[in-house]
Structure formats: C-alpha cells, structure tokens
C-alpha cells in the first residue's frame, strides 16, 4: 500500500534564498562569509531552532556578534540580510501539487519562531496538513526526538511515511526509523522518487 504521508524539509527543498550576502558584505565592508558565520554559528543558532530563544532574540544576538567584530551598521546589515522571507521553488511545488489526494503533506523543518510568519508571507499558511517546527517541539533534525514528534503530529507510523530533505544526515536518520526517505538534489530525482513510491497521481497533467 502506498504511504499516506509525505514529510518535507523547508529550506533547500521548498524555499530558496537569494544569494545577496556578498553584496551586503561589500556594502558594509565585511569580509566574505561574515554574516553567515555569525548567524549560523551553533552557539547562536542552536538555541533559536530549539525554541530556547525567539527569532527576534537570535537576530539581536547576530547584531551583537557583528558589533563585537567592529562591523559598522550591524543592525542594518542583519535587517537587510534577514528581512525577506525567501522565495518558493515553483518546480518543487508543482511536483507536490501532483500528489494523490490521499497523500498528506507535512512540513518538518528546523526553524525559528518566525516560521509561521514566513509561511504566511509566502502564501503557504494553509498548504500543509501539519507543520512541525523544531523550535516548537524542542528538538531538531536529525534527532530521533524530532522525527518522533513529527510522526505524532502527522498521526502516522514511520512505515506509513515518506520523507524528503536536502541534508543526507537527516535522510539517513529518517530511514533508520523506518521512513522511506529521499535525499533531495534535484527535481527530476524528486519526481521519480514520488512516482516510484506511489505518491504521485499518474492521471494529473
């Protein structure tokens, strides 16, 4: 029997980000990679995606870290870098739109408390059967605790679920729990995976 639920990562699968870091860094005289090095350092990011601190607190900590590095205009740097909600990968969404009517789509992502706002801004607030945000469940991928929380939220067992992520570590962890998991590296392979697993409606245009 085809699996009934498709758990999906967000960033890298459904959402894309414009690569404007270099332009912002050049504008403010920062070395290349400085913004991401500060923002995505485990010391700052991990508490945010675990829900220990809010998205606003995380971004404030990024400002403070850049100020510690003597970056002029750190507040404006972080605002320019982080204000946009990203962009939807239209081809991924077109593939997902062809899933059988009985397949439930569940967003399962490591994210800060800003996720709901971004989904609203991107027109995705009502697109998923459920949304599993690491900062709400207090666990992150690839931990078993995250996946167990996601399966509970989706109301399915691991052997009833498909999983797609652009992180190989997350894919391997999901597969160990019994999910049929796919490492996202392109649209053709995603389409083939969903077709082979019985998730796609073959009659859809």
C-alpha atoms as a PDB file:
ATOM      1  CA  UNK A   1       0.000   0.000   0.000  1.00  0.00           C
ATOM      2  CA  UNK A   2       1.362   3.485  -0.880  1.00  0.00           C
ATOM      3  CA  UNK A   3       2.498   5.519   2.084  1.00  0.00           C
ATOM      4  CA  UNK A   4      -0.042   8.090   3.211  1.00  0.00           C
ATOM      5  CA  UNK A   5       2.074  10.999   4.422  1.00  0.00           C
ATOM      6  CA  UNK A   6       4.943  12.988   2.928  1.00  0.00           C
ATOM      7  CA  UNK A   7       7.175  14.814   5.395  1.00  0.00           C
ATOM      8  CA  UNK A   8       9.076  17.655   3.750  1.00  0.00           C
ATOM      9  CA  UNK A   9      12.010  19.812   4.700  1.00  0.00           C
ATOM     10  CA  UNK A  10      11.542  23.530   4.004  1.00  0.00           C
ATOM     11  CA  UNK A  11      14.831  25.305   3.243  1.00  0.00           C
ATOM     12  CA  UNK A  12      16.605  23.752   0.304  1.00  0.00           C
ATOM     13  CA  UNK A  13      13.558  21.759  -0.823  1.00  0.00           C
ATOM     14  CA  UNK A  14      10.607  24.168  -0.892  1.00  0.00           C
ATOM     15  CA  UNK A  15      12.204  27.524  -0.085  1.00  0.00           C
ATOM     16  CA  UNK A  16      15.176  29.163  -1.771  1.00  0.00           C
ATOM     17  CA  UNK A  17      17.163  32.185  -0.652  1.00  0.00           C
ATOM     18  CA  UNK A  18      18.631  34.869  -2.882  1.00  0.00           C
ATOM     19  CA  UNK A  19      22.396  34.885  -2.541  1.00  0.00           C
ATOM     20  CA  UNK A  20      22.735  38.551  -1.607  1.00  0.00           C
ATOM     21  CA  UNK A  21      25.219  38.074   1.223  1.00  0.00           C
ATOM     22  CA  UNK A  22      28.218  39.192  -0.821  1.00  0.00           C
ATOM     23  CA  UNK A  23      26.513  42.413  -1.900  1.00  0.00           C
ATOM     24  CA  UNK A  24      25.562  43.311   1.674  1.00  0.00           C
ATOM     25  CA  UNK A  25      29.027  42.431   2.970  1.00  0.00           C
ATOM     26  CA  UNK A  26      30.663  44.536   0.260  1.00  0.00           C
ATOM     27  CA  UNK A  27      28.327  47.444   1.011  1.00  0.00           C
ATOM     28  CA  UNK A  28      29.321  47.449   4.674  1.00  0.00           C
ATOM     29  CA  UNK A  29      32.951  46.454   4.276  1.00  0.00           C
ATOM     30  CA  UNK A  30      32.632  42.995   5.801  1.00  0.00           C
ATOM     31  CA  UNK A  31      34.775  40.049   4.745  1.00  0.00           C
ATOM     32  CA  UNK A  32      33.056  37.422   2.617  1.00  0.00           C
ATOM     33  CA  UNK A  33      31.026  34.941   4.629  1.00  0.00           C
ATOM     34  CA  UNK A  34      30.959  37.082   7.763  1.00  0.00           C
ATOM     35  CA  UNK A  35      27.170  37.267   8.067  1.00  0.00           C
ATOM     36  CA  UNK A  36      26.536  33.541   7.798  1.00  0.00           C
ATOM     37  CA  UNK A  37      29.488  32.745  10.036  1.00  0.00           C
ATOM     38  CA  UNK A  38      27.891  34.836  12.763  1.00  0.00           C
ATOM     39  CA  UNK A  39      24.236  33.949  12.169  1.00  0.00           C
ATOM     40  CA  UNK A  40      24.690  30.209  11.718  1.00  0.00           C
ATOM     41  CA  UNK A  41      27.279  29.584  14.385  1.00  0.00           C
ATOM     42  CA  UNK A  42      25.902  26.785  16.588  1.00  0.00           C
ATOM     43  CA  UNK A  43      26.323  28.996  19.656  1.00  0.00           C
ATOM     44  CA  UNK A  44      23.763  31.472  18.305  1.00  0.00           C
ATOM     45  CA  UNK A  45      21.558  29.397  16.015  1.00  0.00           C
ATOM     46  CA  UNK A  46      21.012  26.244  18.063  1.00  0.00           C
ATOM     47  CA  UNK A  47      19.080  27.947  20.897  1.00  0.00           C
ATOM     48  CA  UNK A  48      16.827  29.598  18.296  1.00  0.00           C
ATOM     49  CA  UNK A  49      15.912  26.444  16.408  1.00  0.00           C
ATOM     50  CA  UNK A  50      15.404  24.611  19.700  1.00  0.00           C
ATOM     51  CA  UNK A  51      12.980  27.294  20.851  1.00  0.00           C
ATOM     52  CA  UNK A  52      15.127  28.352  23.792  1.00  0.00           C
ATOM     53  CA  UNK A  53      15.182  31.913  22.427  1.00  0.00           C
ATOM     54  CA  UNK A  54      12.871  33.696  19.998  1.00  0.00           C
ATOM     55  CA  UNK A  55      13.712  34.567  16.416  1.00  0.00           C
ATOM     56  CA  UNK A  56      13.960  38.220  17.450  1.00  0.00           C
ATOM     57  CA  UNK A  57      16.449  37.355  20.188  1.00  0.00           C
ATOM     58  CA  UNK A  58      18.516  35.310  17.748  1.00  0.00           C
ATOM     59  CA  UNK A  59      18.725  38.156  15.253  1.00  0.00           C
ATOM     60  CA  UNK A  60      19.639  40.558  18.056  1.00  0.00           C
ATOM     61  CA  UNK A  61      22.443  38.203  19.035  1.00  0.00           C
ATOM     62  CA  UNK A  62      23.688  38.238  15.433  1.00  0.00           C
ATOM     63  CA  UNK A  63      23.748  42.050  15.554  1.00  0.00           C
ATOM     64  CA  UNK A  64      25.719  41.889  18.811  1.00  0.00           C
ATOM     65  CA  UNK A  65      28.174  39.395  17.325  1.00  0.00           C
ATOM     66  CA  UNK A  66      28.807  41.607  14.300  1.00  0.00           C
ATOM     67  CA  UNK A  67      29.227  44.628  16.565  1.00  0.00           C
ATOM     68  CA  UNK A  68      31.767  42.636  18.579  1.00  0.00           C
ATOM     69  CA  UNK A  69      33.664  42.250  15.307  1.00  0.00           C
ATOM     70  CA  UNK A  70      33.540  46.059  14.856  1.00  0.00           C
ATOM     71  CA  UNK A  71      31.059  45.903  11.967  1.00  0.00           C
ATOM     72  CA  UNK A  72      29.600  49.363  11.339  1.00  0.00           C
ATOM     73  CA  UNK A  73      25.828  49.364  10.887  1.00  0.00           C
ATOM     74  CA  UNK A  74      25.349  45.856  12.262  1.00  0.00           C
ATOM     75  CA  UNK A  75      21.628  46.380  12.848  1.00  0.00           C
ATOM     76  CA  UNK A  76      21.048  47.442   9.252  1.00  0.00           C
ATOM     77  CA  UNK A  77      23.195  44.569   7.985  1.00  0.00           C
ATOM     78  CA  UNK A  78      21.050  41.993   9.779  1.00  0.00           C
ATOM     79  CA  UNK A  79      17.841  43.728   8.716  1.00  0.00           C
ATOM     80  CA  UNK A  80      18.798  43.699   5.034  1.00  0.00           C
ATOM     81  CA  UNK A  81      20.002  40.108   5.260  1.00  0.00           C
ATOM     82  CA  UNK A  82      17.101  38.646   7.184  1.00  0.00           C
ATOM     83  CA  UNK A  83      14.008  40.684   6.339  1.00  0.00           C
ATOM     84  CA  UNK A  84      12.953  38.867   3.122  1.00  0.00           C
ATOM     85  CA  UNK A  85      11.055  35.584   3.652  1.00  0.00           C
ATOM     86  CA  UNK A  86      12.865  33.842   0.794  1.00  0.00           C
ATOM     87  CA  UNK A  87      11.287  32.505  -2.386  1.00  0.00           C
ATOM     88  CA  UNK A  88       9.243  29.421  -3.191  1.00  0.00           C
ATOM     89  CA  UNK A  89      10.727  26.804  -5.504  1.00  0.00           C
ATOM     90  CA  UNK A  90       7.937  26.758  -8.065  1.00  0.00           C
ATOM     91  CA  UNK A  91       9.006  23.481  -9.640  1.00  0.00           C
ATOM     92  CA  UNK A  92       9.039  21.660  -6.316  1.00  0.00           C
ATOM     93  CA  UNK A  93       5.559  22.974  -5.553  1.00  0.00           C
ATOM     94  CA  UNK A  94       4.338  21.909  -8.990  1.00  0.00           C
ATOM     95  CA  UNK A  95       5.554  18.378  -8.302  1.00  0.00           C
ATOM     96  CA  UNK A  96       3.869  18.332  -4.900  1.00  0.00           C
ATOM     97  CA  UNK A  97       0.638  19.544  -6.481  1.00  0.00           C
ATOM     98  CA  UNK A  98       0.553  16.278  -8.431  1.00  0.00           C
ATOM     99  CA  UNK A  99       0.493  14.116  -5.293  1.00  0.00           C
ATOM    100  CA  UNK A 100      -2.518  11.872  -4.868  1.00  0.00           C
ATOM    101  CA  UNK A 101      -5.400  13.438  -2.972  1.00  0.00           C
ATOM    102  CA  UNK A 102      -4.909  10.981  -0.119  1.00  0.00           C
ATOM    103  CA  UNK A 103      -1.278  11.960   0.481  1.00  0.00           C
ATOM    104  CA  UNK A 104      -0.931  14.419   3.342  1.00  0.00           C
ATOM    105  CA  UNK A 105       1.887  16.950   3.095  1.00  0.00           C
ATOM    106  CA  UNK A 106       3.596  17.735   6.398  1.00  0.00           C
ATOM    107  CA  UNK A 107       6.280  20.377   6.740  1.00  0.00           C
ATOM    108  CA  UNK A 108       9.021  19.069   9.041  1.00  0.00           C
ATOM    109  CA  UNK A 109      11.779  21.610   9.486  1.00  0.00           C
ATOM    110  CA  UNK A 110      14.412  23.074  11.760  1.00  0.00           C
ATOM    111  CA  UNK A 111      13.249  26.675  12.103  1.00  0.00           C
ATOM    112  CA  UNK A 112      12.957  29.597  14.475  1.00  0.00           C
ATOM    113  CA  UNK A 113       9.785  31.107  15.864  1.00  0.00           C
ATOM    114  CA  UNK A 114       9.469  33.176  12.655  1.00  0.00           C
ATOM    115  CA  UNK A 115       8.350  30.199  10.565  1.00  0.00           C
ATOM    116  CA  UNK A 116       4.611  30.909  10.754  1.00  0.00           C
ATOM    117  CA  UNK A 117       5.172  34.496   9.623  1.00  0.00           C
ATOM    118  CA  UNK A 118       7.261  33.365   6.676  1.00  0.00           C
ATOM    119  CA  UNK A 119       4.695  30.769   5.622  1.00  0.00           C
ATOM    120  CA  UNK A 120       2.027  33.458   5.681  1.00  0.00           C
ATOM    121  CA  UNK A 121       4.177  35.839   3.635  1.00  0.00           C
ATOM    122  CA  UNK A 122       4.898  33.126   1.065  1.00  0.00           C
ATOM    123  CA  UNK A 123       1.251  32.093   0.726  1.00  0.00           C
ATOM    124  CA  UNK A 124       1.826  28.682   2.297  1.00  0.00           C
ATOM    125  CA  UNK A 125      -0.004  29.100   5.589  1.00  0.00           C
ATOM    126  CA  UNK A 126      -2.716  26.620   4.613  1.00  0.00           C
ATOM    127  CA  UNK A 127      -0.752  24.424   2.232  1.00  0.00           C
ATOM    128  CA  UNK A 128       0.236  21.663   4.667  1.00  0.00           C
ATOM    129  CA  UNK A 129      -1.725  19.137   6.669  1.00  0.00           C
ATOM    130  CA  UNK A 130       0.558  19.946   9.612  1.00  0.00           C
ATOM    131  CA  UNK A 131       3.678  21.976  10.356  1.00  0.00           C
ATOM    132  CA  UNK A 132       6.368  20.553  12.624  1.00  0.00           C
ATOM    133  CA  UNK A 133       8.793  23.291  13.706  1.00  0.00           C
ATOM    134  CA  UNK A 134      11.845  22.326  15.741  1.00  0.00           C
ATOM    135  CA  UNK A 135      11.549  25.475  17.852  1.00  0.00           C
ATOM    136  CA  UNK A 136       8.055  24.400  18.899  1.00  0.00           C
ATOM    137  CA  UNK A 137       8.787  20.732  19.614  1.00  0.00           C
ATOM    138  CA  UNK A 138      12.132  21.449  21.332  1.00  0.00           C
ATOM    139  CA  UNK A 139      14.148  19.023  19.205  1.00  0.00           C
ATOM    140  CA  UNK A 140      15.953  19.330  15.888  1.00  0.00           C
ATOM    141  CA  UNK A 141      16.658  17.055  12.957  1.00  0.00           C
ATOM    142  CA  UNK A 142      18.357  14.628  12.764  1.00  0.00           C
ATOM    143  CA  UNK A 143      17.435  13.607  16.319  1.00  0.00           C
ATOM    144  CA  UNK A 144      15.002  10.762  16.829  1.00  0.00           C
ATOM    145  CA  UNK A 145      13.052  13.033  19.177  1.00  0.00           C
ATOM    146  CA  UNK A 146      12.270  15.409  16.314  1.00  0.00           C
ATOM    147  CA  UNK A 147      11.108  12.661  13.972  1.00  0.00           C
ATOM    148  CA  UNK A 148       9.008  11.022  16.672  1.00  0.00           C
ATOM    149  CA  UNK A 149       7.333  14.379  17.338  1.00  0.00           C
ATOM    150  CA  UNK A 150       6.757  14.854  13.601  1.00  0.00           C
ATOM    151  CA  UNK A 151       5.162  11.426  13.237  1.00  0.00           C
ATOM    152  CA  UNK A 152       2.909  12.080  16.228  1.00  0.00           C
ATOM    153  CA  UNK A 153       1.845  15.417  14.752  1.00  0.00           C
ATOM    154  CA  UNK A 154       1.170  13.762  11.407  1.00  0.00           C
ATOM    155  CA  UNK A 155      -0.688  10.904  13.070  1.00  0.00           C
ATOM    156  CA  UNK A 156       1.232   8.155  11.273  1.00  0.00           C
ATOM    157  CA  UNK A 157       3.795   5.448  11.926  1.00  0.00           C
ATOM    158  CA  UNK A 158       7.244   5.644  10.373  1.00  0.00           C
ATOM    159  CA  UNK A 159       6.404   2.848   7.939  1.00  0.00           C
ATOM    160  CA  UNK A 160       3.483   4.936   6.644  1.00  0.00           C
ATOM    161  CA  UNK A 161       5.614   7.995   5.893  1.00  0.00           C
ATOM    162  CA  UNK A 162       7.804   9.357   3.128  1.00  0.00           C
ATOM    163  CA  UNK A 163      10.499  11.912   3.921  1.00  0.00           C
ATOM    164  CA  UNK A 164      12.373  14.394   1.725  1.00  0.00           C
ATOM    165  CA  UNK A 165      15.293  16.551   2.851  1.00  0.00           C
ATOM    166  CA  UNK A 166      18.368  18.118   1.286  1.00  0.00           C
ATOM    167  CA  UNK A 167      20.521  17.027   4.242  1.00  0.00           C
ATOM    168  CA  UNK A 168      21.898  13.499   3.926  1.00  0.00           C
ATOM    169  CA  UNK A 169      22.247  13.195   7.709  1.00  0.00           C
ATOM    170  CA  UNK A 170      18.534  13.933   8.131  1.00  0.00           C
ATOM    171  CA  UNK A 171      17.611  11.469   5.399  1.00  0.00           C
ATOM    172  CA  UNK A 172      19.694   8.710   6.962  1.00  0.00           C
ATOM    173  CA  UNK A 173      18.174   9.350  10.398  1.00  0.00           C
ATOM    174  CA  UNK A 174      14.642   9.185   8.987  1.00  0.00           C
ATOM    175  CA  UNK A 175      15.422   5.961   7.130  1.00  0.00           C
ATOM    176  CA  UNK A 176      16.772   4.370  10.312  1.00  0.00           C
ATOM    177  CA  UNK A 177      13.370   4.944  11.914  1.00  0.00           C
ATOM    178  CA  UNK A 178      11.582   3.212   9.051  1.00  0.00           C
ATOM    179  CA  UNK A 179      10.577   6.076   6.802  1.00  0.00           C
ATOM    180  CA  UNK A 180      11.104   5.818   3.059  1.00  0.00           C
ATOM    181  CA  UNK A 181      13.500   8.728   2.692  1.00  0.00           C
ATOM    182  CA  UNK A 182      14.863  10.681  -0.259  1.00  0.00           C
ATOM    183  CA  UNK A 183      17.922  12.939  -0.392  1.00  0.00           C
ATOM    184  CA  UNK A 184      16.770  15.951  -2.411  1.00  0.00           C
ATOM    185  CA  UNK A 185      19.308  17.035  -5.020  1.00  0.00           C
ATOM    186  CA  UNK A 186      17.060  17.981  -7.907  1.00  0.00           C
ATOM    187  CA  UNK A 187      13.545  17.986  -9.284  1.00  0.00           C
ATOM    188  CA  UNK A 188      13.838  15.028 -11.647  1.00  0.00           C
ATOM    189  CA  UNK A 189      15.004  12.724  -8.870  1.00  0.00           C
ATOM    190  CA  UNK A 190      12.281  14.006  -6.536  1.00  0.00           C
ATOM    191  CA  UNK A 191       9.641  13.357  -9.162  1.00  0.00           C
ATOM    192  CA  UNK A 192      10.979   9.854  -9.751  1.00  0.00           C
ATOM    193  CA  UNK A 193      11.039   9.102  -6.005  1.00  0.00           C
ATOM    194  CA  UNK A 194       7.442  10.185  -5.527  1.00  0.00           C
ATOM    195  CA  UNK A 195       6.349   8.278  -8.599  1.00  0.00           C
ATOM    196  CA  UNK A 196       8.082   5.082  -7.545  1.00  0.00           C
ATOM    197  CA  UNK A 197       6.663   5.339  -4.018  1.00  0.00           C
ATOM    198  CA  UNK A 198       3.118   5.710  -5.345  1.00  0.00           C
ATOM    199  CA  UNK A 199       2.648   9.248  -4.066  1.00  0.00           C
ATOM    200  CA  UNK A 200       2.011  10.884  -7.435  1.00  0.00           C
ATOM    201  CA  UNK A 201      -1.322  10.930  -9.203  1.00  0.00           C
ATOM    202  CA  UNK A 202      -0.426   9.465 -12.571  1.00  0.00           C
ATOM    203  CA  UNK A 203      -3.529  10.984 -14.158  1.00  0.00           C
ATOM    204  CA  UNK A 204      -2.564  14.541 -13.188  1.00  0.00           C
ATOM    205  CA  UNK A 205      -1.284  16.731 -16.030  1.00  0.00           C
END
